[in-house]
Amino acid sequence: VVYFHGGGWVIGDFATHERFVRDLVNYSNVAAVFVEYDRAPEAKYPVALDQAYAATRWVAEQGYEIGVDGSRLAVVGDSAGGN
């Protein structure tokens, strides 16, 4: 699972979503890659989307470097992270 947190593109990070992602991993028996993207207002559109795409592509192509099978990939997010 490649996971993108919500927060209206302005707030949110691993600390705010850690419990949910840990539960997802534990109950689903999957690996998760939690992506931190740059947030507004410092990061202007489409910086976060470009980072999300690059991170997802990296996991798909290079996930083996961190023990993840990039051919079996789910992209998950909540709120803004679901975009």
PDB file of N, CA and C in Angstrom:
ATOM      1  N   VAL A   1       0.847  -1.171   0.000  1.00  0.00           N
ATOM      2  CA  VAL A   1       0.000   0.000   0.000  1.00  0.00           C
ATOM      3  C   VAL A   1       0.893   1.234   0.000  1.00  0.00           C
ATOM      4  N   VAL A   2       0.637   2.130  -0.921  1.00  0.00           N
ATOM      5  CA  VAL A   2       1.249   3.456  -0.879  1.00  0.00           C
ATOM      6  C   VAL A   2       0.166   4.371  -0.313  1.00  0.00           C
ATOM      7  N   TYR A   3       0.451   4.990   0.838  1.00  0.00           N
ATOM      8  CA  TYR A   3      -0.572   5.756   1.552  1.00  0.00           C
ATOM      9  C   TYR A   3      -0.242   7.246   1.560  1.00  0.00           C
ATOM     10  N   PHE A   4      -1.273   8.046   1.233  1.00  0.00           N
ATOM     11  CA  PHE A   4      -1.153   9.504   1.256  1.00  0.00           C
ATOM     12  C   PHE A   4      -2.140  10.069   2.269  1.00  0.00           C
ATOM     13  N   HIS A   5      -1.623  10.823   3.220  1.00  0.00           N
ATOM     14  CA  HIS A   5      -2.463  11.363   4.291  1.00  0.00           C
ATOM     15  C   HIS A   5      -3.322  12.533   3.814  1.00  0.00           C
ATOM     16  N   GLY A   6      -4.409  12.720   4.514  1.00  0.00           N
ATOM     17  CA  GLY A   6      -5.276  13.864   4.277  1.00  0.00           C
ATOM     18  C   GLY A   6      -4.826  15.059   5.094  1.00  0.00           C
ATOM     19  N   GLY A   7      -5.604  16.128   4.993  1.00  0.00           N
ATOM     20  CA  GLY A   7      -5.305  17.346   5.741  1.00  0.00           C
ATOM     21  C   GLY A   7      -5.446  18.595   4.905  1.00  0.00           C
ATOM     22  N   GLY A   8      -6.235  18.490   3.841  1.00  0.00           N
ATOM     23  CA  GLY A   8      -6.506  19.678   3.026  1.00  0.00           C
ATOM     24  C   GLY A   8      -5.291  20.260   2.342  1.00  0.00           C
ATOM     25  N   TRP A   9      -4.277  19.452   2.110  1.00  0.00           N
ATOM     26  CA  TRP A   9      -3.013  19.861   1.499  1.00  0.00           C
ATOM     27  C   TRP A   9      -2.215  20.796   2.399  1.00  0.00           C
ATOM     28  N   VAL A  10      -2.710  21.058   3.632  1.00  0.00           N
ATOM     29  CA  VAL A  10      -2.084  22.040   4.513  1.00  0.00           C
ATOM     30  C   VAL A  10      -1.540  21.413   5.795  1.00  0.00           C
ATOM     31  N   ILE A  11      -2.253  20.440   6.358  1.00  0.00           N
ATOM     32  CA  ILE A  11      -1.843  19.824   7.618  1.00  0.00           C
ATOM     33  C   ILE A  11      -1.765  18.314   7.442  1.00  0.00           C
ATOM     34  N   GLY A  12      -1.341  17.639   8.495  1.00  0.00           N
ATOM     35  CA  GLY A  12      -1.271  16.184   8.479  1.00  0.00           C
ATOM     36  C   GLY A  12       0.131  15.696   8.186  1.00  0.00           C
ATOM     37  N   ASP A  13       0.458  14.559   8.809  1.00  0.00           N
ATOM     38  CA  ASP A  13       1.754  13.923   8.607  1.00  0.00           C
ATOM     39  C   ASP A  13       1.687  12.527   9.218  1.00  0.00           C
ATOM     40  N   PHE A  14       2.820  11.864   9.340  1.00  0.00           N
ATOM     41  CA  PHE A  14       2.812  10.510   9.879  1.00  0.00           C
ATOM     42  C   PHE A  14       2.259  10.487  11.302  1.00  0.00           C
ATOM     43  N   ALA A  15       2.603  11.483  12.095  1.00  0.00           N
ATOM     44  CA  ALA A  15       2.139  11.512  13.486  1.00  0.00           C
ATOM     45  C   ALA A  15       0.617  11.556  13.582  1.00  0.00           C
ATOM     46  N   THR A  16      -0.041  12.264  12.677  1.00  0.00           N
ATOM     47  CA  THR A  16      -1.501  12.372  12.736  1.00  0.00           C
ATOM     48  C   THR A  16      -2.199  11.146  12.172  1.00  0.00           C
ATOM     49  N   HIS A  17      -1.499  10.332  11.398  1.00  0.00           N
ATOM     50  CA  HIS A  17      -2.114   9.183  10.732  1.00  0.00           C
ATOM     51  C   HIS A  17      -1.477   7.845  11.102  1.00  0.00           C
ATOM     52  N   GLU A  18      -0.523   7.878  12.020  1.00  0.00           N
ATOM     53  CA  GLU A  18       0.223   6.664  12.361  1.00  0.00           C
ATOM     54  C   GLU A  18      -0.683   5.525  12.824  1.00  0.00           C
ATOM     55  N   ARG A  19      -1.609   5.806  13.719  1.00  0.00           N
ATOM     56  CA  ARG A  19      -2.460   4.727  14.235  1.00  0.00           C
ATOM     57  C   ARG A  19      -3.261   4.070  13.108  1.00  0.00           C
ATOM     58  N   PHE A  20      -3.851   4.879  12.241  1.00  0.00           N
ATOM     59  CA  PHE A  20      -4.642   4.324  11.147  1.00  0.00           C
ATOM     60  C   PHE A  20      -3.786   3.447  10.241  1.00  0.00           C
ATOM     61  N   VAL A  21      -2.616   3.937   9.873  1.00  0.00           N
ATOM     62  CA  VAL A  21      -1.756   3.179   8.958  1.00  0.00           C
ATOM     63  C   VAL A  21      -1.254   1.902   9.627  1.00  0.00           C
ATOM     64  N   ARG A  22      -0.908   1.964  10.900  1.00  0.00           N
ATOM     65  CA  ARG A  22      -0.482   0.753  11.612  1.00  0.00           C
ATOM     66  C   ARG A  22      -1.621  -0.262  11.672  1.00  0.00           C
ATOM     67  N   ASP A  23      -2.842   0.208  11.937  1.00  0.00           N
ATOM     68  CA  ASP A  23      -3.995  -0.702  11.943  1.00  0.00           C
ATOM     69  C   ASP A  23      -4.207  -1.313  10.562  1.00  0.00           C
ATOM     70  N   LEU A  24      -4.083  -0.508   9.518  1.00  0.00           N
ATOM     71  CA  LEU A  24      -4.226  -1.007   8.149  1.00  0.00           C
ATOM     72  C   LEU A  24      -3.224  -2.123   7.881  1.00  0.00           C
ATOM     73  N   VAL A  25      -1.987  -1.900   8.262  1.00  0.00           N
ATOM     74  CA  VAL A  25      -0.932  -2.896   8.060  1.00  0.00           C
ATOM     75  C   VAL A  25      -1.218  -4.160   8.868  1.00  0.00           C
ATOM     76  N   ASN A  26      -1.555  -3.994  10.127  1.00  0.00           N
ATOM     77  CA  ASN A  26      -1.769  -5.149  11.003  1.00  0.00           C
ATOM     78  C   ASN A  26      -2.992  -5.969  10.616  1.00  0.00           C
ATOM     79  N   TYR A  27      -4.100  -5.315  10.316  1.00  0.00           N
ATOM     80  CA  TYR A  27      -5.331  -6.042  10.000  1.00  0.00           C
ATOM     81  C   TYR A  27      -5.351  -6.598   8.581  1.00  0.00           C
ATOM     82  N   SER A  28      -4.617  -5.975   7.681  1.00  0.00           N
ATOM     83  CA  SER A  28      -4.631  -6.402   6.281  1.00  0.00           C
ATOM     84  C   SER A  28      -3.436  -7.263   5.907  1.00  0.00           C
ATOM     85  N   ASN A  29      -2.436  -7.320   6.786  1.00  0.00           N
ATOM     86  CA  ASN A  29      -1.231  -8.088   6.514  1.00  0.00           C
ATOM     87  C   ASN A  29      -0.551  -7.623   5.226  1.00  0.00           C
ATOM     88  N   VAL A  30      -0.388  -6.311   5.115  1.00  0.00           N
ATOM     89  CA  VAL A  30       0.272  -5.713   3.962  1.00  0.00           C
ATOM     90  C   VAL A  30       1.406  -4.815   4.448  1.00  0.00           C
ATOM     91  N   ALA A  31       2.286  -4.467   3.541  1.00  0.00           N
ATOM     92  CA  ALA A  31       3.302  -3.457   3.819  1.00  0.00           C
ATOM     93  C   ALA A  31       2.733  -2.108   3.411  1.00  0.00           C
ATOM     94  N   ALA A  32       3.157  -1.059   4.083  1.00  0.00           N
ATOM     95  CA  ALA A  32       2.704   0.284   3.724  1.00  0.00           C
ATOM     96  C   ALA A  32       3.899   1.207   3.573  1.00  0.00           C
ATOM     97  N   VAL A  33       3.832   2.033   2.554  1.00  0.00           N
ATOM     98  CA  VAL A  33       4.799   3.103   2.350  1.00  0.00           C
ATOM     99  C   VAL A  33       4.028   4.390   2.587  1.00  0.00           C
ATOM    100  N   PHE A  34       4.386   5.116   3.640  1.00  0.00           N
ATOM    101  CA  PHE A  34       3.705   6.356   3.994  1.00  0.00           C
ATOM    102  C   PHE A  34       4.474   7.498   3.351  1.00  0.00           C
ATOM    103  N   VAL A  35       3.814   8.230   2.480  1.00  0.00           N
ATOM    104  CA  VAL A  35       4.479   9.291   1.725  1.00  0.00           C
ATOM    105  C   VAL A  35       4.208  10.644   2.378  1.00  0.00           C
ATOM    106  N   GLU A  36       5.277  11.344   2.719  1.00  0.00           N
ATOM    107  CA  GLU A  36       5.172  12.728   3.182  1.00  0.00           C
ATOM    108  C   GLU A  36       5.344  13.618   1.955  1.00  0.00           C
ATOM    109  N   TYR A  37       4.368  14.452   1.705  1.00  0.00           N
ATOM    110  CA  TYR A  37       4.460  15.385   0.581  1.00  0.00           C
ATOM    111  C   TYR A  37       4.514  16.807   1.128  1.00  0.00           C
ATOM    112  N   ASP A  38       5.083  17.718   0.345  1.00  0.00           N
ATOM    113  CA  ASP A  38       5.149  19.118   0.760  1.00  0.00           C
ATOM    114  C   ASP A  38       3.746  19.705   0.780  1.00  0.00           C
ATOM    115  N   ARG A  39       3.486  20.530   1.799  1.00  0.00           N
ATOM    116  CA  ARG A  39       2.143  21.069   1.989  1.00  0.00           C
ATOM    117  C   ARG A  39       2.098  22.563   1.685  1.00  0.00           C
ATOM    118  N   ALA A  40       0.877  23.014   1.412  1.00  0.00           N
ATOM    119  CA  ALA A  40       0.612  24.434   1.189  1.00  0.00           C
ATOM    120  C   ALA A  40       0.708  25.159   2.538  1.00  0.00           C
ATOM    121  N   PRO A  41       0.966  26.422   2.560  1.00  0.00           N
ATOM    122  CA  PRO A  41       1.083  27.309   1.411  1.00  0.00           C
ATOM    123  C   PRO A  41       2.482  27.350   0.796  1.00  0.00           C
ATOM    124  N   GLU A  42       3.474  26.717   1.472  1.00  0.00           N
ATOM    125  CA  GLU A  42       4.836  26.761   0.918  1.00  0.00           C
ATOM    126  C   GLU A  42       4.915  26.062  -0.435  1.00  0.00           C
ATOM    127  N   ALA A  43       4.261  24.947  -0.565  1.00  0.00           N
ATOM    128  CA  ALA A  43       4.275  24.195  -1.826  1.00  0.00           C
ATOM    129  C   ALA A  43       3.058  24.592  -2.649  1.00  0.00           C
ATOM    130  N   LYS A  44       3.294  25.077  -3.803  1.00  0.00           N
ATOM    131  CA  LYS A  44       2.214  25.493  -4.705  1.00  0.00           C
ATOM    132  C   LYS A  44       1.786  24.318  -5.577  1.00  0.00           C
ATOM    133  N   TYR A  45       0.540  24.355  -6.028  1.00  0.00           N
ATOM    134  CA  TYR A  45       0.017  23.350  -6.951  1.00  0.00           C
ATOM    135  C   TYR A  45       0.870  23.352  -8.203  1.00  0.00           C
ATOM    136  N   PRO A  46       1.221  22.225  -8.730  1.00  0.00           N
ATOM    137  CA  PRO A  46       0.887  20.839  -8.413  1.00  0.00           C
ATOM    138  C   PRO A  46       2.010  20.078  -7.701  1.00  0.00           C
ATOM    139  N   VAL A  47       2.795  20.751  -6.868  1.00  0.00           N
ATOM    140  CA  VAL A  47       3.960  20.124  -6.236  1.00  0.00           C
ATOM    141  C   VAL A  47       3.594  18.821  -5.522  1.00  0.00           C
ATOM    142  N   ALA A  48       2.579  18.845  -4.659  1.00  0.00           N
ATOM    143  CA  ALA A  48       2.213  17.640  -3.900  1.00  0.00           C
ATOM    144  C   ALA A  48       1.772  16.507  -4.825  1.00  0.00           C
ATOM    145  N   LEU A  49       1.030  16.835  -5.860  1.00  0.00           N
ATOM    146  CA  LEU A  49       0.593  15.797  -6.801  1.00  0.00           C
ATOM    147  C   LEU A  49       1.779  15.201  -7.552  1.00  0.00           C
ATOM    148  N   ASP A  50       2.704  16.050  -7.949  1.00  0.00           N
ATOM    149  CA  ASP A  50       3.903  15.552  -8.633  1.00  0.00           C
ATOM    150  C   ASP A  50       4.719  14.643  -7.712  1.00  0.00           C
ATOM    151  N   GLN A  51       4.814  15.017  -6.446  1.00  0.00           N
ATOM    152  CA  GLN A  51       5.538  14.189  -5.486  1.00  0.00           C
ATOM    153  C   GLN A  51       4.828  12.857  -5.273  1.00  0.00           C
ATOM    154  N   ALA A  52       3.510  12.898  -5.209  1.00  0.00           N
ATOM    155  CA  ALA A  52       2.735  11.662  -5.027  1.00  0.00           C
ATOM    156  C   ALA A  52       2.948  10.721  -6.210  1.00  0.00           C
ATOM    157  N   TYR A  53       2.910  11.266  -7.406  1.00  0.00           N
ATOM    158  CA  TYR A  53       3.128  10.449  -8.598  1.00  0.00           C
ATOM    159  C   TYR A  53       4.539   9.853  -8.590  1.00  0.00           C
ATOM    160  N   ALA A  54       5.523  10.686  -8.276  1.00  0.00           N
ATOM    161  CA  ALA A  54       6.910  10.213  -8.265  1.00  0.00           C
ATOM    162  C   ALA A  54       7.112   9.124  -7.215  1.00  0.00           C
ATOM    163  N   ALA A  55       6.519   9.291  -6.048  1.00  0.00           N
ATOM    164  CA  ALA A  55       6.658   8.285  -4.991  1.00  0.00           C
ATOM    165  C   ALA A  55       6.003   6.971  -5.400  1.00  0.00           C
ATOM    166  N   THR A  56       4.817   7.059  -5.983  1.00  0.00           N
ATOM    167  CA  THR A  56       4.115   5.851  -6.413  1.00  0.00           C
ATOM    168  C   THR A  56       4.900   5.139  -7.506  1.00  0.00           C
ATOM    169  N   ARG A  57       5.410   5.901  -8.428  1.00  0.00           N
ATOM    170  CA  ARG A  57       6.200   5.303  -9.507  1.00  0.00           C
ATOM    171  C   ARG A  57       7.464   4.641  -8.954  1.00  0.00           C
ATOM    172  N   TRP A  58       8.102   5.300  -7.985  1.00  0.00           N
ATOM    173  CA  TRP A  58       9.305   4.719  -7.389  1.00  0.00           C
ATOM    174  C   TRP A  58       8.983   3.387  -6.725  1.00  0.00           C
ATOM    175  N   VAL A  59       7.907   3.333  -5.954  1.00  0.00           N
ATOM    176  CA  VAL A  59       7.542   2.075  -5.291  1.00  0.00           C
ATOM    177  C   VAL A  59       7.252   1.000  -6.334  1.00  0.00           C
ATOM    178  N   ALA A  60       6.550   1.362  -7.403  1.00  0.00           N
ATOM    179  CA  ALA A  60       6.229   0.390  -8.448  1.00  0.00           C
ATOM    180  C   ALA A  60       7.492  -0.151  -9.113  1.00  0.00           C
ATOM    181  N   GLU A  61       8.463   0.722  -9.333  1.00  0.00           N
ATOM    182  CA  GLU A  61       9.662   0.326 -10.073  1.00  0.00           C
ATOM    183  C   GLU A  61      10.829  -0.115  -9.188  1.00  0.00           C
ATOM    184  N   GLN A  62      10.926   0.440  -7.992  1.00  0.00           N
ATOM    185  CA  GLN A  62      12.084   0.188  -7.133  1.00  0.00           C
ATOM    186  C   GLN A  62      11.719  -0.354  -5.757  1.00  0.00           C
ATOM    187  N   GLY A  63      10.475  -0.714  -5.555  1.00  0.00           N
ATOM    188  CA  GLY A  63      10.030  -1.187  -4.253  1.00  0.00           C
ATOM    189  C   GLY A  63      10.831  -2.343  -3.703  1.00  0.00           C
ATOM    190  N   TYR A  64      11.397  -3.153  -4.589  1.00  0.00           N
ATOM    191  CA  TYR A  64      12.203  -4.291  -4.142  1.00  0.00           C
ATOM    192  C   TYR A  64      13.342  -3.837  -3.235  1.00  0.00           C
ATOM    193  N   GLU A  65      13.791  -2.585  -3.383  1.00  0.00           N
ATOM    194  CA  GLU A  65      14.881  -2.069  -2.551  1.00  0.00           C
ATOM    195  C   GLU A  65      14.488  -1.979  -1.077  1.00  0.00           C
ATOM    196  N   ILE A  66      13.189  -1.891  -0.816  1.00  0.00           N
ATOM    197  CA  ILE A  66      12.709  -1.827   0.571  1.00  0.00           C
ATOM    198  C   ILE A  66      11.828  -3.025   0.909  1.00  0.00           C
ATOM    199  N   GLY A  67      11.913  -4.068   0.088  1.00  0.00           N
ATOM    200  CA  GLY A  67      11.179  -5.302   0.359  1.00  0.00           C
ATOM    201  C   GLY A  67       9.715  -5.268  -0.017  1.00  0.00           C
ATOM    202  N   VAL A  68       9.357  -4.419  -0.969  1.00  0.00           N
ATOM    203  CA  VAL A  68       7.966  -4.278  -1.407  1.00  0.00           C
ATOM    204  C   VAL A  68       7.849  -4.752  -2.850  1.00  0.00           C
ATOM    205  N   ASP A  69       6.827  -5.549  -3.131  1.00  0.00           N
ATOM    206  CA  ASP A  69       6.565  -6.017  -4.491  1.00  0.00           C
ATOM    207  C   ASP A  69       5.768  -4.948  -5.231  1.00  0.00           C
ATOM    208  N   GLY A  70       6.451  -4.174  -6.046  1.00  0.00           N
ATOM    209  CA  GLY A  70       5.818  -3.080  -6.767  1.00  0.00           C
ATOM    210  C   GLY A  70       4.799  -3.507  -7.797  1.00  0.00           C
ATOM    211  N   SER A  71       4.756  -4.791  -8.132  1.00  0.00           N
ATOM    212  CA  SER A  71       3.752  -5.266  -9.091  1.00  0.00           C
ATOM    213  C   SER A  71       2.414  -5.532  -8.410  1.00  0.00           C
ATOM    214  N   ARG A  72       2.403  -5.508  -7.083  1.00  0.00           N
ATOM    215  CA  ARG A  72       1.169  -5.723  -6.306  1.00  0.00           C
ATOM    216  C   ARG A  72       0.948  -4.479  -5.463  1.00  0.00           C
ATOM    217  N   LEU A  73       0.428  -3.455  -6.096  1.00  0.00           N
ATOM    218  CA  LEU A  73       0.400  -2.130  -5.505  1.00  0.00           C
ATOM    219  C   LEU A  73      -1.021  -1.608  -5.376  1.00  0.00           C
ATOM    220  N   ALA A  74      -1.327  -1.047  -4.215  1.00  0.00           N
ATOM    221  CA  ALA A  74      -2.587  -0.333  -4.004  1.00  0.00           C
ATOM    222  C   ALA A  74      -2.228   1.075  -3.561  1.00  0.00           C
ATOM    223  N   VAL A  75      -2.884   2.052  -4.137  1.00  0.00           N
ATOM    224  CA  VAL A  75      -2.675   3.444  -3.759  1.00  0.00           C
ATOM    225  C   VAL A  75      -3.872   3.863  -2.923  1.00  0.00           C
ATOM    226  N   VAL A  76      -3.602   4.329  -1.699  1.00  0.00           N
ATOM    227  CA  VAL A  76      -4.653   4.617  -0.731  1.00  0.00           C
ATOM    228  C   VAL A  76      -4.407   5.990  -0.123  1.00  0.00           C
ATOM    229  N   GLY A  77      -5.492   6.693   0.167  1.00  0.00           N
ATOM    230  CA  GLY A  77      -5.373   7.972   0.856  1.00  0.00           C
ATOM    231  C   GLY A  77      -6.701   8.392   1.423  1.00  0.00           C
ATOM    232  N   ASP A  78      -6.642   9.354   2.317  1.00  0.00           N
ATOM    233  CA  ASP A  78      -7.875   9.906   2.861  1.00  0.00           C
ATOM    234  C   ASP A  78      -7.913  11.402   2.578  1.00  0.00           C
ATOM    235  N   SER A  79      -9.113  11.924   2.424  1.00  0.00           N
ATOM    236  CA  SER A  79      -9.325  13.346   2.187  1.00  0.00           C
ATOM    237  C   SER A  79      -8.429  13.822   1.039  1.00  0.00           C
ATOM    238  N   ALA A  80      -7.620  14.853   1.266  1.00  0.00           N
ATOM    239  CA  ALA A  80      -6.758  15.359   0.190  1.00  0.00           C
ATOM    240  C   ALA A  80      -5.826  14.274  -0.334  1.00  0.00           C
ATOM    241  N   GLY A  81      -5.379  13.385   0.533  1.00  0.00           N
ATOM    242  CA  GLY A  81      -4.493  12.301   0.119  1.00  0.00           C
ATOM    243  C   GLY A  81      -5.152  11.311  -0.817  1.00  0.00           C
ATOM    244  N   GLY A  82      -6.473  11.319  -0.853  1.00  0.00           N
ATOM    245  CA  GLY A  82      -7.200  10.435  -1.758  1.00  0.00           C
ATOM    246  C   GLY A  82      -7.338  10.993  -3.161  1.00  0.00           C
ATOM    247  N   ASN A  83      -6.858  12.207  -3.356  1.00  0.00           N
ATOM    248  CA  ASN A  83      -6.944  12.812  -4.684  1.00  0.00           C
ATOM    249  C   ASN A  83      -5.870  12.280  -5.586  1.00  0.00           C
TER     250      ASN A  83
END
